Amino acid sequence: MAYGDSLDEAVTELNETKKAWFSSCLRRNIRIPEPVNKKYSGKLLVRMPKSLHAHLAEEADEENVSLNLSL
């Protein structure tokens, strides 16, 4: 656990905590997992009631936007 009164202090504390954790794992022969670098498509499928879908489609029409708007 790490915390600080400012962002810089918190990051410094976090780095010290990370070093201590790595050191502890190495001393105890505990495997350190590799970093995870996942890529995300930006797509999300959401199931909803038909009535909510209709309401959202009507709102989108009123605002002249698509429900499938890409950002």
PDB file of N, CA and C in Angstrom:
ATOM      1  N   MET A   1       0.847  -1.161   0.000  1.00  0.00           N
ATOM      2  CA  MET A   1       0.000   0.000   0.000  1.00  0.00           C
ATOM      3  C   MET A   1       0.895   1.227   0.000  1.00  0.00           C
ATOM      4  N   ALA A   2       0.467   2.250  -0.737  1.00  0.00           N
ATOM      5  CA  ALA A   2       1.226   3.485  -0.799  1.00  0.00           C
ATOM      6  C   ALA A   2       0.262   4.659  -0.885  1.00  0.00           C
ATOM      7  N   TYR A   3       0.658   5.777  -0.304  1.00  0.00           N
ATOM      8  CA  TYR A   3      -0.156   6.992  -0.393  1.00  0.00           C
ATOM      9  C   TYR A   3       0.750   8.202  -0.238  1.00  0.00           C
ATOM     10  N   GLY A   4       0.222   9.359  -0.569  1.00  0.00           N
ATOM     11  CA  GLY A   4       0.983  10.591  -0.413  1.00  0.00           C
ATOM     12  C   GLY A   4       0.055  11.779  -0.349  1.00  0.00           C
ATOM     13  N   ASP A   5       0.565  12.880   0.159  1.00  0.00           N
ATOM     14  CA  ASP A   5      -0.243  14.102   0.263  1.00  0.00           C
ATOM     15  C   ASP A   5      -0.346  14.839  -1.065  1.00  0.00           C
ATOM     16  N   SER A   6       0.521  14.483  -2.021  1.00  0.00           N
ATOM     17  CA  SER A   6       0.463  15.080  -3.354  1.00  0.00           C
ATOM     18  C   SER A   6       0.661  13.954  -4.373  1.00  0.00           C
ATOM     19  N   LEU A   7       0.405  14.241  -5.625  1.00  0.00           N
ATOM     20  CA  LEU A   7       0.585  13.237  -6.675  1.00  0.00           C
ATOM     21  C   LEU A   7       2.038  12.782  -6.742  1.00  0.00           C
ATOM     22  N   ASP A   8       2.973  13.731  -6.697  1.00  0.00           N
ATOM     23  CA  ASP A   8       4.394  13.369  -6.755  1.00  0.00           C
ATOM     24  C   ASP A   8       4.793  12.488  -5.581  1.00  0.00           C
ATOM     25  N   GLU A   9       4.320  12.830  -4.399  1.00  0.00           N
ATOM     26  CA  GLU A   9       4.637  12.040  -3.207  1.00  0.00           C
ATOM     27  C   GLU A   9       4.030  10.639  -3.309  1.00  0.00           C
ATOM     28  N   ALA A  10       2.823  10.552  -3.824  1.00  0.00           N
ATOM     29  CA  ALA A  10       2.164   9.247  -3.976  1.00  0.00           C
ATOM     30  C   ALA A  10       2.905   8.378  -4.990  1.00  0.00           C
ATOM     31  N   VAL A  11       3.346   8.964  -6.097  1.00  0.00           N
ATOM     32  CA  VAL A  11       4.087   8.202  -7.117  1.00  0.00           C
ATOM     33  C   VAL A  11       5.420   7.731  -6.553  1.00  0.00           C
ATOM     34  N   THR A  12       6.102   8.581  -5.802  1.00  0.00           N
ATOM     35  CA  THR A  12       7.364   8.193  -5.168  1.00  0.00           C
ATOM     36  C   THR A  12       7.135   7.037  -4.204  1.00  0.00           C
ATOM     37  N   GLU A  13       6.110   7.133  -3.374  1.00  0.00           N
ATOM     38  CA  GLU A  13       5.772   6.054  -2.440  1.00  0.00           C
ATOM     39  C   GLU A  13       5.439   4.767  -3.186  1.00  0.00           C
ATOM     40  N   LEU A  14       4.686   4.895  -4.267  1.00  0.00           N
ATOM     41  CA  LEU A  14       4.313   3.727  -5.052  1.00  0.00           C
ATOM     42  C   LEU A  14       5.547   3.045  -5.624  1.00  0.00           C
ATOM     43  N   ASN A  15       6.485   3.814  -6.152  1.00  0.00           N
ATOM     44  CA  ASN A  15       7.718   3.239  -6.694  1.00  0.00           C
ATOM     45  C   ASN A  15       8.530   2.537  -5.615  1.00  0.00           C
ATOM     46  N   GLU A  16       8.612   3.105  -4.424  1.00  0.00           N
ATOM     47  CA  GLU A  16       9.319   2.465  -3.315  1.00  0.00           C
ATOM     48  C   GLU A  16       8.627   1.167  -2.903  1.00  0.00           C
ATOM     49  N   THR A  17       7.311   1.194  -2.860  1.00  0.00           N
ATOM     50  CA  THR A  17       6.545  -0.006  -2.511  1.00  0.00           C
ATOM     51  C   THR A  17       6.744  -1.088  -3.558  1.00  0.00           C
ATOM     52  N   LYS A  18       6.774  -0.689  -4.823  1.00  0.00           N
ATOM     53  CA  LYS A  18       6.996  -1.639  -5.914  1.00  0.00           C
ATOM     54  C   LYS A  18       8.366  -2.289  -5.788  1.00  0.00           C
ATOM     55  N   LYS A  19       9.394  -1.486  -5.515  1.00  0.00           N
ATOM     56  CA  LYS A  19      10.747  -2.021  -5.345  1.00  0.00           C
ATOM     57  C   LYS A  19      10.789  -3.020  -4.186  1.00  0.00           C
ATOM     58  N   ALA A  20      10.142  -2.676  -3.087  1.00  0.00           N
ATOM     59  CA  ALA A  20      10.133  -3.570  -1.915  1.00  0.00           C
ATOM     60  C   ALA A  20       9.421  -4.880  -2.249  1.00  0.00           C
ATOM     61  N   TRP A  21       8.334  -4.802  -3.001  1.00  0.00           N
ATOM     62  CA  TRP A  21       7.597  -6.013  -3.373  1.00  0.00           C
ATOM     63  C   TRP A  21       8.446  -6.905  -4.273  1.00  0.00           C
ATOM     64  N   PHE A  22       9.098  -6.313  -5.276  1.00  0.00           N
ATOM     65  CA  PHE A  22       9.974  -7.089  -6.160  1.00  0.00           C
ATOM     66  C   PHE A  22      11.091  -7.751  -5.360  1.00  0.00           C
ATOM     67  N   SER A  23      11.697  -6.990  -4.486  1.00  0.00           N
ATOM     68  CA  SER A  23      12.799  -7.515  -3.675  1.00  0.00           C
ATOM     69  C   SER A  23      12.327  -8.687  -2.818  1.00  0.00           C
ATOM     70  N   SER A  24      11.176  -8.540  -2.199  1.00  0.00           N
ATOM     71  CA  SER A  24      10.608  -9.609  -1.372  1.00  0.00           C
ATOM     72  C   SER A  24      10.344 -10.864  -2.197  1.00  0.00           C
ATOM     73  N   CYS A  25       9.773 -10.683  -3.387  1.00  0.00           N
ATOM     74  CA  CYS A  25       9.489 -11.836  -4.258  1.00  0.00           C
ATOM     75  C   CYS A  25      10.785 -12.535  -4.660  1.00  0.00           C
ATOM     76  N   LEU A  26      11.800 -11.769  -5.012  1.00  0.00           N
ATOM     77  CA  LEU A  26      13.074 -12.359  -5.422  1.00  0.00           C
ATOM     78  C   LEU A  26      13.725 -13.126  -4.273  1.00  0.00           C
ATOM     79  N   ARG A  27      13.701 -12.558  -3.070  1.00  0.00           N
ATOM     80  CA  ARG A  27      14.288 -13.240  -1.905  1.00  0.00           C
ATOM     81  C   ARG A  27      13.560 -14.545  -1.592  1.00  0.00           C
ATOM     82  N   ARG A  28      12.247 -14.557  -1.782  1.00  0.00           N
ATOM     83  CA  ARG A  28      11.442 -15.726  -1.419  1.00  0.00           C
ATOM     84  C   ARG A  28      11.208 -16.658  -2.603  1.00  0.00           C
ATOM     85  N   ASN A  29      11.854 -16.362  -3.733  1.00  0.00           N
ATOM     86  CA  ASN A  29      11.732 -17.175  -4.940  1.00  0.00           C
ATOM     87  C   ASN A  29      10.276 -17.285  -5.427  1.00  0.00           C
ATOM     88  N   ILE A  30       9.568 -16.170  -5.351  1.00  0.00           N
ATOM     89  CA  ILE A  30       8.179 -16.100  -5.824  1.00  0.00           C
ATOM     90  C   ILE A  30       8.195 -15.531  -7.233  1.00  0.00           C
ATOM     91  N   ARG A  31       7.477 -16.197  -8.122  1.00  0.00           N
ATOM     92  CA  ARG A  31       7.422 -15.776  -9.522  1.00  0.00           C
ATOM     93  C   ARG A  31       6.764 -14.400  -9.638  1.00  0.00           C
ATOM     94  N   ILE A  32       7.399 -13.502 -10.390  1.00  0.00           N
ATOM     95  CA  ILE A  32       6.845 -12.173 -10.659  1.00  0.00           C
ATOM     96  C   ILE A  32       6.186 -12.238 -12.030  1.00  0.00           C
ATOM     97  N   PRO A  33       4.882 -11.992 -12.100  1.00  0.00           N
ATOM     98  CA  PRO A  33       4.194 -12.106 -13.390  1.00  0.00           C
ATOM     99  C   PRO A  33       4.642 -11.031 -14.383  1.00  0.00           C
ATOM    100  N   GLU A  34       4.593 -11.399 -15.651  1.00  0.00           N
ATOM    101  CA  GLU A  34       4.905 -10.457 -16.717  1.00  0.00           C
ATOM    102  C   GLU A  34       3.808  -9.389 -16.800  1.00  0.00           C
ATOM    103  N   PRO A  35       4.149  -8.176 -17.238  1.00  0.00           N
ATOM    104  CA  PRO A  35       3.115  -7.142 -17.433  1.00  0.00           C
ATOM    105  C   PRO A  35       2.109  -7.590 -18.497  1.00  0.00           C
ATOM    106  N   VAL A  36       0.890  -7.158 -18.341  1.00  0.00           N
ATOM    107  CA  VAL A  36      -0.166  -7.486 -19.296  1.00  0.00           C
ATOM    108  C   VAL A  36      -0.380  -6.277 -20.197  1.00  0.00           C
ATOM    109  N   ASN A  37      -0.257  -6.486 -21.493  1.00  0.00           N
ATOM    110  CA  ASN A  37      -0.471  -5.411 -22.466  1.00  0.00           C
ATOM    111  C   ASN A  37      -1.625  -5.804 -23.378  1.00  0.00           C
ATOM    112  N   LYS A  38      -2.839  -5.604 -22.912  1.00  0.00           N
ATOM    113  CA  LYS A  38      -4.017  -5.953 -23.697  1.00  0.00           C
ATOM    114  C   LYS A  38      -4.392  -4.797 -24.612  1.00  0.00           C
ATOM    115  N   LYS A  39      -4.912  -5.149 -25.776  1.00  0.00           N
ATOM    116  CA  LYS A  39      -5.430  -4.141 -26.705  1.00  0.00           C
ATOM    117  C   LYS A  39      -6.950  -4.287 -26.721  1.00  0.00           C
ATOM    118  N   TYR A  40      -7.629  -3.179 -26.730  1.00  0.00           N
ATOM    119  CA  TYR A  40      -9.081  -3.177 -26.692  1.00  0.00           C
ATOM    120  C   TYR A  40      -9.631  -2.589 -27.989  1.00  0.00           C
ATOM    121  N   SER A  41     -10.721  -3.161 -28.470  1.00  0.00           N
ATOM    122  CA  SER A  41     -11.301  -2.749 -29.748  1.00  0.00           C
ATOM    123  C   SER A  41     -12.112  -1.460 -29.633  1.00  0.00           C
ATOM    124  N   GLY A  42     -12.586  -1.170 -28.435  1.00  0.00           N
ATOM    125  CA  GLY A  42     -13.457  -0.017 -28.261  1.00  0.00           C
ATOM    126  C   GLY A  42     -14.925  -0.374 -28.459  1.00  0.00           C
ATOM    127  N   LYS A  43     -15.186  -1.655 -28.705  1.00  0.00           N
ATOM    128  CA  LYS A  43     -16.567  -2.107 -28.891  1.00  0.00           C
ATOM    129  C   LYS A  43     -17.075  -2.724 -27.601  1.00  0.00           C
ATOM    130  N   LEU A  44     -18.344  -2.480 -27.312  1.00  0.00           N
ATOM    131  CA  LEU A  44     -18.971  -3.027 -26.121  1.00  0.00           C
ATOM    132  C   LEU A  44     -20.402  -3.417 -26.468  1.00  0.00           C
ATOM    133  N   LEU A  45     -20.758  -4.662 -26.255  1.00  0.00           N
ATOM    134  CA  LEU A  45     -22.106  -5.140 -26.529  1.00  0.00           C
ATOM    135  C   LEU A  45     -22.891  -5.084 -25.229  1.00  0.00           C
ATOM    136  N   VAL A  46     -24.037  -4.412 -25.271  1.00  0.00           N
ATOM    137  CA  VAL A  46     -24.868  -4.254 -24.082  1.00  0.00           C
ATOM    138  C   VAL A  46     -26.276  -4.729 -24.398  1.00  0.00           C
ATOM    139  N   ARG A  47     -26.790  -5.622 -23.584  1.00  0.00           N
ATOM    140  CA  ARG A  47     -28.179  -6.062 -23.720  1.00  0.00           C
ATOM    141  C   ARG A  47     -29.059  -5.159 -22.856  1.00  0.00           C
ATOM    142  N   MET A  48     -30.232  -4.790 -23.401  1.00  0.00           N
ATOM    143  CA  MET A  48     -31.144  -3.920 -22.662  1.00  0.00           C
ATOM    144  C   MET A  48     -32.568  -4.214 -23.090  1.00  0.00           C
ATOM    145  N   PRO A  49     -33.527  -3.789 -22.311  1.00  0.00           N
ATOM    146  CA  PRO A  49     -34.932  -3.979 -22.697  1.00  0.00           C
ATOM    147  C   PRO A  49     -35.237  -3.219 -23.996  1.00  0.00           C
ATOM    148  N   LYS A  50     -36.158  -3.773 -24.780  1.00  0.00           N
ATOM    149  CA  LYS A  50     -36.544  -3.134 -26.047  1.00  0.00           C
ATOM    150  C   LYS A  50     -37.045  -1.715 -25.826  1.00  0.00           C
ATOM    151  N   SER A  51     -37.748  -1.496 -24.716  1.00  0.00           N
ATOM    152  CA  SER A  51     -38.291  -0.157 -24.442  1.00  0.00           C
ATOM    153  C   SER A  51     -37.163   0.863 -24.224  1.00  0.00           C
ATOM    154  N   LEU A  52     -36.090   0.454 -23.553  1.00  0.00           N
ATOM    155  CA  LEU A  52     -34.967   1.351 -23.343  1.00  0.00           C
ATOM    156  C   LEU A  52     -34.254   1.626 -24.662  1.00  0.00           C
ATOM    157  N   HIS A  53     -34.098   0.588 -25.493  1.00  0.00           N
ATOM    158  CA  HIS A  53     -33.467   0.755 -26.804  1.00  0.00           C
ATOM    159  C   HIS A  53     -34.269   1.769 -27.630  1.00  0.00           C
ATOM    160  N   ALA A  54     -35.583   1.617 -27.617  1.00  0.00           N
ATOM    161  CA  ALA A  54     -36.440   2.545 -28.367  1.00  0.00           C
ATOM    162  C   ALA A  54     -36.260   3.972 -27.850  1.00  0.00           C
ATOM    163  N   HIS A  55     -36.257   4.139 -26.544  1.00  0.00           N
ATOM    164  CA  HIS A  55     -36.097   5.464 -25.948  1.00  0.00           C
ATOM    165  C   HIS A  55     -34.755   6.079 -26.352  1.00  0.00           C
ATOM    166  N   LEU A  56     -33.686   5.295 -26.281  1.00  0.00           N
ATOM    167  CA  LEU A  56     -32.363   5.802 -26.642  1.00  0.00           C
ATOM    168  C   LEU A  56     -32.281   6.147 -28.122  1.00  0.00           C
ATOM    169  N   ALA A  57     -32.914   5.342 -28.977  1.00  0.00           N
ATOM    170  CA  ALA A  57     -32.917   5.619 -30.414  1.00  0.00           C
ATOM    171  C   ALA A  57     -33.667   6.925 -30.698  1.00  0.00           C
ATOM    172  N   GLU A  58     -34.775   7.146 -30.009  1.00  0.00           N
ATOM    173  CA  GLU A  58     -35.531   8.386 -30.178  1.00  0.00           C
ATOM    174  C   GLU A  58     -34.702   9.598 -29.731  1.00  0.00           C
ATOM    175  N   GLU A  59     -34.025   9.459 -28.599  1.00  0.00           N
ATOM    176  CA  GLU A  59     -33.163  10.542 -28.109  1.00  0.00           C
ATOM    177  C   GLU A  59     -32.037  10.834 -29.105  1.00  0.00           C
ATOM    178  N   ALA A  60     -31.449   9.788 -29.657  1.00  0.00           N
ATOM    179  CA  ALA A  60     -30.374   9.963 -30.631  1.00  0.00           C
ATOM    180  C   ALA A  60     -30.893  10.682 -31.868  1.00  0.00           C
ATOM    181  N   ASP A  61     -32.099  10.305 -32.338  1.00  0.00           N
ATOM    182  CA  ASP A  61     -32.698  10.973 -33.499  1.00  0.00           C
ATOM    183  C   ASP A  61     -32.898  12.458 -33.225  1.00  0.00           C
ATOM    184  N   GLU A  62     -33.384  12.789 -32.032  1.00  0.00           N
ATOM    185  CA  GLU A  62     -33.620  14.181 -31.667  1.00  0.00           C
ATOM    186  C   GLU A  62     -32.319  14.986 -31.660  1.00  0.00           C
ATOM    187  N   GLU A  63     -31.217  14.325 -31.305  1.00  0.00           N
ATOM    188  CA  GLU A  63     -29.923  15.006 -31.238  1.00  0.00           C
ATOM    189  C   GLU A  63     -29.106  14.838 -32.522  1.00  0.00           C
ATOM    190  N   ASN A  64     -29.721  14.186 -33.522  1.00  0.00           N
ATOM    191  CA  ASN A  64     -29.057  13.943 -34.807  1.00  0.00           C
ATOM    192  C   ASN A  64     -27.710  13.225 -34.658  1.00  0.00           C
ATOM    193  N   VAL A  65     -27.705  12.205 -33.799  1.00  0.00           N
ATOM    194  CA  VAL A  65     -26.508  11.372 -33.621  1.00  0.00           C
ATOM    195  C   VAL A  65     -26.904   9.914 -33.794  1.00  0.00           C
ATOM    196  N   SER A  66     -25.922   9.076 -34.012  1.00  0.00           N
ATOM    197  CA  SER A  66     -26.156   7.637 -34.142  1.00  0.00           C
ATOM    198  C   SER A  66     -25.942   6.944 -32.812  1.00  0.00           C
ATOM    199  N   LEU A  67     -26.696   5.901 -32.565  1.00  0.00           N
ATOM    200  CA  LEU A  67     -26.433   5.088 -31.371  1.00  0.00           C
ATOM    201  C   LEU A  67     -25.079   4.388 -31.493  1.00  0.00           C
ATOM    202  N   ASN A  68     -24.577   4.246 -32.697  1.00  0.00           N
ATOM    203  CA  ASN A  68     -23.300   3.586 -32.949  1.00  0.00           C
ATOM    204  C   ASN A  68     -22.177   4.590 -33.194  1.00  0.00           C
ATOM    205  N   LEU A  69     -22.298   5.759 -32.632  1.00  0.00           N
ATOM    206  CA  LEU A  69     -21.331   6.831 -32.827  1.00  0.00           C
ATOM    207  C   LEU A  69     -19.931   6.376 -32.443  1.00  0.00           C
ATOM    208  N   SER A  70     -18.987   6.561 -33.342  1.00  0.00           N
ATOM    209  CA  SER A  70     -17.585   6.240 -33.066  1.00  0.00           C
ATOM    210  C   SER A  70     -16.889   7.478 -32.562  1.00  0.00           C
ATOM    211  N   LEU A  71     -16.106   7.323 -31.506  1.00  0.00           N
ATOM    212  CA  LEU A  71     -15.369   8.467 -30.955  1.00  0.00           C
ATOM    213  C   LEU A  71     -13.930   8.397 -31.335  1.00  0.00           C
TER     214      LEU A  71
END
